[in-house]
Amino acid sequence: MMRIPSLILACLWVLPAFAAEPPATPKTATPAPQTAPAQGWIDVTPTPYGPMLMQQALPPPYRDYQMNRILTPEEKKRWFEMAMPAMSSLMQMDAREAMNYFALKYKAKPGVSFDQVVESMMLRANQVNLKFVGKNQIWKEFRAVLHDDKAPRVEVFSFCDIAVGRDLLKVIPEIVVFLPCRIAVMEDADKNIWVMTLDWDVTWLEQAGKQAGITPELRKDAMAIREKLDSVMRAGADGEL
């Protein structure tokens, strides 16, 4: 539920770390743009690696479920421009290989059927208190709408820790775009069965959220969801249950 892709984390956390500890021969800092984002507690700060958006003060107080401001296209463009150096290696990859970095996947053991994978996942999710909240059988649409009888079976299952999800939404309503957690089960070209999810890294929560009102307990609970999802996926791939 609360994980951020590792390559995106490079933009959010590695660059600020470099800025805090400049190299022995620092580069000339690029002048900061004159236009700062709205709400002056965020500003453009020059660093030895060029300008970057930095939070300069505590944000204004928020009520539970209060939506944050809308970022302007210019603000988003500037953020991506500053983040691109950390993403440059990704941009040099073939699209298939780049996407592979965003996927956490396990191959089902030989002899474990698609339905056995799903059944084991459901049982393990119940054991670890992840609520099943929906299923997308997109492969049936491939066949019914596109008349593609060769389309492999692929189904996407949604899970959520209801209490943690609610508490996170109170603090950061925009996090709803990451909810619920999704696990896909898919046949490949050779009829092998795979269990996959978006490979996010939740370790950033150990440091993040202190100013946003995310308590240590909530951070711990959110990080634990990563382990629960992994347990569900492994149970499915092994056909344990």
C-alpha atoms as a PDB file:
ATOM      1  CA  MET A   1       0.000   0.000   0.000  1.00  0.00           C
ATOM      2  CA  MET A   2       2.724   2.457   0.903  1.00  0.00           C
ATOM      3  CA  ARG A   3       5.740   1.871  -1.248  1.00  0.00           C
ATOM      4  CA  ILE A   4       7.489   4.132  -3.726  1.00  0.00           C
ATOM      5  CA  PRO A   5       9.394   2.803  -6.772  1.00  0.00           C
ATOM      6  CA  SER A   6      13.085   2.623  -5.960  1.00  0.00           C
ATOM      7  CA  LEU A   7      14.088   4.587  -9.052  1.00  0.00           C
ATOM      8  CA  ILE A   8      11.741   7.401  -8.112  1.00  0.00           C
ATOM      9  CA  LEU A   9      13.265   7.408  -4.625  1.00  0.00           C
ATOM     10  CA  ALA A  10      16.592   8.212  -6.223  1.00  0.00           C
ATOM     11  CA  CYS A  11      15.091  11.510  -7.292  1.00  0.00           C
ATOM     12  CA  LEU A  12      13.437  12.264  -3.966  1.00  0.00           C
ATOM     13  CA  TRP A  13      16.093  11.215  -1.459  1.00  0.00           C
ATOM     14  CA  VAL A  14      19.494  10.548  -3.062  1.00  0.00           C
ATOM     15  CA  LEU A  15      19.812  13.992  -4.582  1.00  0.00           C
ATOM     16  CA  PRO A  16      19.037  15.807  -1.311  1.00  0.00           C
ATOM     17  CA  ALA A  17      21.614  13.600   0.411  1.00  0.00           C
ATOM     18  CA  PHE A  18      24.236  14.613  -2.142  1.00  0.00           C
ATOM     19  CA  ALA A  19      23.306  18.231  -1.649  1.00  0.00           C
ATOM     20  CA  ALA A  20      23.881  17.933   2.100  1.00  0.00           C
ATOM     21  CA  GLU A  21      27.351  16.406   1.584  1.00  0.00           C
ATOM     22  CA  PRO A  22      29.082  18.137  -1.367  1.00  0.00           C
ATOM     23  CA  PRO A  23      32.018  16.481  -3.124  1.00  0.00           C
ATOM     24  CA  ALA A  24      35.611  17.483  -2.581  1.00  0.00           C
ATOM     25  CA  THR A  25      35.566  19.556  -5.784  1.00  0.00           C
ATOM     26  CA  PRO A  26      32.059  20.952  -5.958  1.00  0.00           C
ATOM     27  CA  LYS A  27      30.574  21.989  -9.244  1.00  0.00           C
ATOM     28  CA  THR A  28      29.409  25.533  -9.779  1.00  0.00           C
ATOM     29  CA  ALA A  29      25.824  25.772  -8.616  1.00  0.00           C
ATOM     30  CA  THR A  30      23.312  26.684 -11.269  1.00  0.00           C
ATOM     31  CA  PRO A  31      21.442  29.873 -10.363  1.00  0.00           C
ATOM     32  CA  ALA A  32      18.045  29.135  -8.885  1.00  0.00           C
ATOM     33  CA  PRO A  33      14.984  30.120 -10.928  1.00  0.00           C
ATOM     34  CA  GLN A  34      13.387  33.348  -9.811  1.00  0.00           C
ATOM     35  CA  THR A  35       9.868  31.937  -9.703  1.00  0.00           C
ATOM     36  CA  ALA A  36       9.241  29.949  -6.518  1.00  0.00           C
ATOM     37  CA  PRO A  37       6.257  27.635  -6.042  1.00  0.00           C
ATOM     38  CA  ALA A  38       3.111  28.893  -4.375  1.00  0.00           C
ATOM     39  CA  GLN A  39       3.040  28.633  -0.592  1.00  0.00           C
ATOM     40  CA  GLY A  40       6.460  29.975   0.331  1.00  0.00           C
ATOM     41  CA  TRP A  41       7.415  27.104   2.617  1.00  0.00           C
ATOM     42  CA  ILE A  42       8.800  25.353  -0.488  1.00  0.00           C
ATOM     43  CA  ASP A  43      11.528  27.056  -2.492  1.00  0.00           C
ATOM     44  CA  VAL A  44      14.135  26.417  -5.163  1.00  0.00           C
ATOM     45  CA  THR A  45      17.508  25.949  -3.475  1.00  0.00           C
ATOM     46  CA  PRO A  46      20.894  25.964  -5.245  1.00  0.00           C
ATOM     47  CA  THR A  47      23.163  22.977  -4.505  1.00  0.00           C
ATOM     48  CA  PRO A  48      26.536  21.785  -5.839  1.00  0.00           C
ATOM     49  CA  TYR A  49      24.518  19.636  -8.249  1.00  0.00           C
ATOM     50  CA  GLY A  50      22.230  22.416  -9.440  1.00  0.00           C
ATOM     51  CA  PRO A  51      18.907  23.776  -8.191  1.00  0.00           C
ATOM     52  CA  MET A  52      16.370  21.590  -6.458  1.00  0.00           C
ATOM     53  CA  LEU A  53      13.058  22.000  -4.680  1.00  0.00           C
ATOM     54  CA  MET A  54      13.561  21.994  -0.927  1.00  0.00           C
ATOM     55  CA  GLN A  55      11.106  22.408   1.925  1.00  0.00           C
ATOM     56  CA  GLN A  56      12.223  25.441   3.895  1.00  0.00           C
ATOM     57  CA  ALA A  57       9.692  25.492   6.730  1.00  0.00           C
ATOM     58  CA  LEU A  58       6.774  23.664   8.242  1.00  0.00           C
ATOM     59  CA  PRO A  59       3.765  23.469   5.926  1.00  0.00           C
ATOM     60  CA  PRO A  60       0.498  25.108   6.929  1.00  0.00           C
ATOM     61  CA  PRO A  61      -1.727  23.067   9.271  1.00  0.00           C
ATOM     62  CA  TYR A  62      -4.120  20.606   7.653  1.00  0.00           C
ATOM     63  CA  ARG A  63      -7.363  19.007   8.790  1.00  0.00           C
ATOM     64  CA  ASP A  64      -8.045  15.293   8.377  1.00  0.00           C
ATOM     65  CA  TYR A  65      -8.728  14.441   4.729  1.00  0.00           C
ATOM     66  CA  GLN A  66      -7.885  17.979   3.572  1.00  0.00           C
ATOM     67  CA  MET A  67      -6.654  17.849  -0.033  1.00  0.00           C
ATOM     68  CA  ASN A  68      -3.363  19.548  -0.820  1.00  0.00           C
ATOM     69  CA  ARG A  69      -3.077  22.369  -3.339  1.00  0.00           C
ATOM     70  CA  ILE A  70      -2.999  21.723  -7.100  1.00  0.00           C
ATOM     71  CA  LEU A  71       0.535  21.929  -8.488  1.00  0.00           C
ATOM     72  CA  THR A  72       0.918  24.068 -11.567  1.00  0.00           C
ATOM     73  CA  PRO A  73       2.283  22.514 -14.782  1.00  0.00           C
ATOM     74  CA  GLU A  74       5.338  24.754 -14.382  1.00  0.00           C
ATOM     75  CA  GLU A  75       6.061  23.409 -10.890  1.00  0.00           C
ATOM     76  CA  LYS A  76       5.801  19.815 -12.059  1.00  0.00           C
ATOM     77  CA  LYS A  77       7.970  20.521 -15.089  1.00  0.00           C
ATOM     78  CA  ARG A  78      10.656  22.083 -12.884  1.00  0.00           C
ATOM     79  CA  TRP A  79      10.564  19.116 -10.493  1.00  0.00           C
ATOM     80  CA  PHE A  80      11.005  16.624 -13.333  1.00  0.00           C
ATOM     81  CA  GLU A  81      13.804  18.666 -14.851  1.00  0.00           C
ATOM     82  CA  MET A  82      15.633  18.583 -11.523  1.00  0.00           C
ATOM     83  CA  ALA A  83      14.945  14.868 -11.074  1.00  0.00           C
ATOM     84  CA  MET A  84      16.028  13.821 -14.563  1.00  0.00           C
ATOM     85  CA  PRO A  85      19.790  13.523 -13.813  1.00  0.00           C
ATOM     86  CA  ALA A  86      19.029  10.721 -11.348  1.00  0.00           C
ATOM     87  CA  MET A  87      16.812   9.054 -13.953  1.00  0.00           C
ATOM     88  CA  SER A  88      19.280   9.320 -16.824  1.00  0.00           C
ATOM     89  CA  SER A  89      20.350   5.652 -16.660  1.00  0.00           C
ATOM     90  CA  LEU A  90      16.737   4.549 -16.889  1.00  0.00           C
ATOM     91  CA  MET A  91      16.221   6.669 -19.991  1.00  0.00           C
ATOM     92  CA  GLN A  92      18.992   4.729 -21.767  1.00  0.00           C
ATOM     93  CA  MET A  93      17.251   1.371 -21.293  1.00  0.00           C
ATOM     94  CA  ASP A  94      14.997  -0.553 -23.603  1.00  0.00           C
ATOM     95  CA  ALA A  95      11.382  -0.017 -22.526  1.00  0.00           C
ATOM     96  CA  ARG A  96      10.948  -3.700 -21.598  1.00  0.00           C
ATOM     97  CA  GLU A  97      14.052  -3.683 -19.428  1.00  0.00           C
ATOM     98  CA  ALA A  98      13.134  -0.370 -17.778  1.00  0.00           C
ATOM     99  CA  MET A  99       9.675  -1.644 -16.856  1.00  0.00           C
ATOM    100  CA  ASN A 100      11.251  -4.804 -15.452  1.00  0.00           C
ATOM    101  CA  TYR A 101      12.917  -2.666 -12.777  1.00  0.00           C
ATOM    102  CA  PHE A 102       9.495  -1.566 -11.539  1.00  0.00           C
ATOM    103  CA  ALA A 103       8.153  -5.114 -11.138  1.00  0.00           C
ATOM    104  CA  LEU A 104       8.533  -7.469  -8.196  1.00  0.00           C
ATOM    105  CA  LYS A 105       7.686 -10.957  -9.435  1.00  0.00           C
ATOM    106  CA  TYR A 106       7.760 -14.605  -8.473  1.00  0.00           C
ATOM    107  CA  LYS A 107       7.408 -17.568 -10.808  1.00  0.00           C
ATOM    108  CA  ALA A 108       4.929 -20.190  -9.677  1.00  0.00           C
ATOM    109  CA  LYS A 109       6.364 -23.606  -8.931  1.00  0.00           C
ATOM    110  CA  PRO A 110       5.917 -26.263 -11.630  1.00  0.00           C
ATOM    111  CA  GLY A 111       2.606 -28.047 -11.220  1.00  0.00           C
ATOM    112  CA  VAL A 112       0.901 -25.178  -9.382  1.00  0.00           C
ATOM    113  CA  SER A 113      -2.148 -24.119 -11.381  1.00  0.00           C
ATOM    114  CA  PHE A 114      -3.437 -20.598 -11.868  1.00  0.00           C
ATOM    115  CA  ASP A 115      -6.418 -21.288  -9.606  1.00  0.00           C
ATOM    116  CA  GLN A 116      -4.177 -22.792  -6.923  1.00  0.00           C
ATOM    117  CA  VAL A 117      -2.034 -19.653  -6.994  1.00  0.00           C
ATOM    118  CA  VAL A 118      -5.115 -17.501  -6.489  1.00  0.00           C
ATOM    119  CA  GLU A 119      -6.541 -19.695  -3.734  1.00  0.00           C
ATOM    120  CA  SER A 120      -3.262 -19.675  -1.811  1.00  0.00           C
ATOM    121  CA  MET A 121      -3.025 -15.901  -2.136  1.00  0.00           C
ATOM    122  CA  MET A 122      -6.525 -15.403  -0.786  1.00  0.00           C
ATOM    123  CA  LEU A 123      -5.944 -17.655   2.194  1.00  0.00           C
ATOM    124  CA  ARG A 124      -2.629 -16.004   3.080  1.00  0.00           C
ATOM    125  CA  ALA A 125      -4.128 -12.505   2.708  1.00  0.00           C
ATOM    126  CA  ASN A 126      -6.798 -13.476   5.219  1.00  0.00           C
ATOM    127  CA  GLN A 127      -4.134 -14.786   7.601  1.00  0.00           C
ATOM    128  CA  VAL A 128      -2.133 -11.534   7.516  1.00  0.00           C
ATOM    129  CA  ASN A 129      -5.218  -9.288   7.751  1.00  0.00           C
ATOM    130  CA  LEU A 130      -5.174  -7.909   4.214  1.00  0.00           C
ATOM    131  CA  LYS A 131      -8.738  -7.425   3.034  1.00  0.00           C
ATOM    132  CA  PHE A 132      -9.567  -8.521  -0.519  1.00  0.00           C
ATOM    133  CA  VAL A 133     -11.405  -5.590  -2.101  1.00  0.00           C
ATOM    134  CA  GLY A 134     -11.655  -6.379  -5.797  1.00  0.00           C
ATOM    135  CA  LYS A 135     -10.609  -8.322  -8.895  1.00  0.00           C
ATOM    136  CA  ASN A 136     -10.056  -7.350 -12.534  1.00  0.00           C
ATOM    137  CA  GLN A 137     -10.268 -10.204 -15.065  1.00  0.00           C
ATOM    138  CA  ILE A 138      -8.961  -8.166 -17.962  1.00  0.00           C
ATOM    139  CA  TRP A 139      -8.102 -11.224 -20.042  1.00  0.00           C
ATOM    140  CA  LYS A 140     -11.812 -11.965 -20.450  1.00  0.00           C
ATOM    141  CA  GLU A 141     -12.232  -8.524 -22.013  1.00  0.00           C
ATOM    142  CA  PHE A 142      -9.396  -9.249 -24.439  1.00  0.00           C
ATOM    143  CA  ARG A 143     -11.328 -12.265 -25.620  1.00  0.00           C
ATOM    144  CA  ALA A 144     -14.881 -10.895 -25.484  1.00  0.00           C
ATOM    145  CA  VAL A 145     -14.254  -7.413 -26.862  1.00  0.00           C
ATOM    146  CA  LEU A 146     -11.127  -7.833 -28.986  1.00  0.00           C
ATOM    147  CA  HIS A 147     -11.889 -11.449 -29.972  1.00  0.00           C
ATOM    148  CA  ASP A 148      -8.335 -12.379 -29.035  1.00  0.00           C
ATOM    149  CA  ASP A 149      -8.581 -16.073 -28.175  1.00  0.00           C
ATOM    150  CA  LYS A 150      -4.802 -16.283 -27.783  1.00  0.00           C
ATOM    151  CA  ALA A 151      -4.639 -13.723 -24.987  1.00  0.00           C
ATOM    152  CA  PRO A 152      -3.099 -15.240 -21.838  1.00  0.00           C
ATOM    153  CA  ARG A 153      -4.987 -15.386 -18.592  1.00  0.00           C
ATOM    154  CA  VAL A 154      -4.200 -12.366 -16.450  1.00  0.00           C
ATOM    155  CA  GLU A 155      -6.103 -11.232 -13.376  1.00  0.00           C
ATOM    156  CA  VAL A 156      -5.379  -8.356 -11.006  1.00  0.00           C
ATOM    157  CA  PHE A 157      -6.334  -8.656  -7.326  1.00  0.00           C
ATOM    158  CA  SER A 158      -6.729  -5.680  -4.977  1.00  0.00           C
ATOM    159  CA  PHE A 159      -5.988  -5.810  -1.246  1.00  0.00           C
ATOM    160  CA  CYS A 160      -6.003  -3.229   1.526  1.00  0.00           C
ATOM    161  CA  ASP A 161      -5.267  -2.854   5.204  1.00  0.00           C
ATOM    162  CA  ILE A 162      -8.405  -0.860   5.967  1.00  0.00           C
ATOM    163  CA  ALA A 163      -7.216   0.794   9.185  1.00  0.00           C
ATOM    164  CA  VAL A 164      -3.817   1.838   7.825  1.00  0.00           C
ATOM    165  CA  GLY A 165      -5.362   3.042   4.558  1.00  0.00           C
ATOM    166  CA  ARG A 166      -7.830   5.252   6.403  1.00  0.00           C
ATOM    167  CA  ASP A 167      -5.176   6.732   8.684  1.00  0.00           C
ATOM    168  CA  LEU A 168      -2.880   7.528   5.749  1.00  0.00           C
ATOM    169  CA  LEU A 169      -5.708   9.193   3.822  1.00  0.00           C
ATOM    170  CA  LYS A 170      -6.401  11.425   6.802  1.00  0.00           C
ATOM    171  CA  VAL A 171      -2.883  12.822   6.553  1.00  0.00           C
ATOM    172  CA  ILE A 172      -2.289  12.612   2.779  1.00  0.00           C
ATOM    173  CA  PRO A 173      -5.508  12.366   0.745  1.00  0.00           C
ATOM    174  CA  GLU A 174      -3.510  12.259  -2.512  1.00  0.00           C
ATOM    175  CA  ILE A 175      -2.102   8.886  -1.504  1.00  0.00           C
ATOM    176  CA  VAL A 176      -5.404   7.414  -2.683  1.00  0.00           C
ATOM    177  CA  VAL A 177      -3.844   7.154  -6.162  1.00  0.00           C
ATOM    178  CA  PHE A 178      -1.659   4.339  -4.788  1.00  0.00           C
ATOM    179  CA  LEU A 179      -4.567   2.491  -3.169  1.00  0.00           C
ATOM    180  CA  PRO A 180      -5.470  -0.303  -2.981  1.00  0.00           C
ATOM    181  CA  CYS A 181      -2.456  -2.603  -3.264  1.00  0.00           C
ATOM    182  CA  ARG A 182      -2.571  -4.719  -6.409  1.00  0.00           C
ATOM    183  CA  ILE A 183      -1.136  -8.145  -7.188  1.00  0.00           C
ATOM    184  CA  ALA A 184      -1.322  -9.562 -10.709  1.00  0.00           C
ATOM    185  CA  VAL A 185      -1.346 -13.236 -11.661  1.00  0.00           C
ATOM    186  CA  MET A 186      -0.421 -13.829 -15.294  1.00  0.00           C
ATOM    187  CA  GLU A 187       0.457 -16.581 -17.733  1.00  0.00           C
ATOM    188  CA  ASP A 188       3.397 -15.881 -20.021  1.00  0.00           C
ATOM    189  CA  ALA A 189       4.069 -17.006 -23.582  1.00  0.00           C
ATOM    190  CA  ASP A 190       5.216 -20.427 -22.332  1.00  0.00           C
ATOM    191  CA  LYS A 191       2.225 -20.905 -20.000  1.00  0.00           C
ATOM    192  CA  ASN A 192       4.350 -20.258 -16.935  1.00  0.00           C
ATOM    193  CA  ILE A 193       2.418 -18.496 -14.169  1.00  0.00           C
ATOM    194  CA  TRP A 194       3.798 -15.353 -12.547  1.00  0.00           C
ATOM    195  CA  VAL A 195       2.773 -13.370  -9.479  1.00  0.00           C
ATOM    196  CA  MET A 196       3.705  -9.680  -9.748  1.00  0.00           C
ATOM    197  CA  THR A 197       3.283  -6.297  -8.116  1.00  0.00           C
ATOM    198  CA  LEU A 198       4.793  -2.830  -8.426  1.00  0.00           C
ATOM    199  CA  ASP A 199       8.182  -2.967  -6.734  1.00  0.00           C
ATOM    200  CA  TRP A 200       8.112  -0.133  -4.236  1.00  0.00           C
ATOM    201  CA  ASP A 201      10.562   0.625  -1.460  1.00  0.00           C
ATOM    202  CA  VAL A 202       8.949   1.625   1.834  1.00  0.00           C
ATOM    203  CA  THR A 203      12.162   2.383   3.720  1.00  0.00           C
ATOM    204  CA  TRP A 204      11.706   6.080   2.892  1.00  0.00           C
ATOM    205  CA  LEU A 205       8.902   6.100   5.455  1.00  0.00           C
ATOM    206  CA  GLU A 206      11.461   5.719   8.221  1.00  0.00           C
ATOM    207  CA  GLN A 207      12.386   9.360   7.614  1.00  0.00           C
ATOM    208  CA  ALA A 208       9.394  10.797   5.755  1.00  0.00           C
ATOM    209  CA  GLY A 209       6.184  12.122   7.188  1.00  0.00           C
ATOM    210  CA  LYS A 210       7.544  13.714  10.339  1.00  0.00           C
ATOM    211  CA  GLN A 211       6.267  17.114   9.296  1.00  0.00           C
ATOM    212  CA  ALA A 212       3.107  15.709   7.715  1.00  0.00           C
ATOM    213  CA  GLY A 213       1.867  14.180  10.944  1.00  0.00           C
ATOM    214  CA  ILE A 214       2.630  10.537  10.137  1.00  0.00           C
ATOM    215  CA  THR A 215       3.359   9.011  13.528  1.00  0.00           C
ATOM    216  CA  PRO A 216       6.090   6.405  14.064  1.00  0.00           C
ATOM    217  CA  GLU A 217       3.359   3.835  14.672  1.00  0.00           C
ATOM    218  CA  LEU A 218       1.642   4.645  11.373  1.00  0.00           C
ATOM    219  CA  ARG A 219       4.960   4.506   9.520  1.00  0.00           C
ATOM    220  CA  LYS A 220       5.641   1.095  11.044  1.00  0.00           C
ATOM    221  CA  ASP A 221       2.181  -0.204  10.099  1.00  0.00           C
ATOM    222  CA  ALA A 222       2.479   1.106   6.546  1.00  0.00           C
ATOM    223  CA  MET A 223       5.905  -0.463   6.111  1.00  0.00           C
ATOM    224  CA  ALA A 224       4.562  -3.784   7.422  1.00  0.00           C
ATOM    225  CA  ILE A 225       2.164  -3.938   4.464  1.00  0.00           C
ATOM    226  CA  ARG A 226       5.164  -4.517   2.200  1.00  0.00           C
ATOM    227  CA  GLU A 227       5.963  -7.693   4.117  1.00  0.00           C
ATOM    228  CA  LYS A 228       2.331  -8.809   4.029  1.00  0.00           C
ATOM    229  CA  LEU A 229       2.107  -8.383   0.259  1.00  0.00           C
ATOM    230  CA  ASP A 230       5.332 -10.290  -0.218  1.00  0.00           C
ATOM    231  CA  SER A 231       3.999 -13.097   1.978  1.00  0.00           C
ATOM    232  CA  VAL A 232       0.805 -13.268  -0.086  1.00  0.00           C
ATOM    233  CA  MET A 233       2.762 -13.404  -3.345  1.00  0.00           C
ATOM    234  CA  ARG A 234       5.149 -16.086  -2.145  1.00  0.00           C
ATOM    235  CA  ALA A 235       2.296 -18.216  -0.830  1.00  0.00           C
ATOM    236  CA  GLY A 236       0.610 -17.971  -4.203  1.00  0.00           C
ATOM    237  CA  ALA A 237       3.739 -18.803  -6.204  1.00  0.00           C
ATOM    238  CA  ASP A 238       4.494 -21.781  -3.974  1.00  0.00           C
ATOM    239  CA  GLY A 239       0.904 -22.995  -3.854  1.00  0.00           C
ATOM    240  CA  GLU A 240       1.425 -23.344  -0.106  1.00  0.00           C
ATOM    241  CA  LEU A 241      -2.161 -23.360   0.998  1.00  0.00           C
END
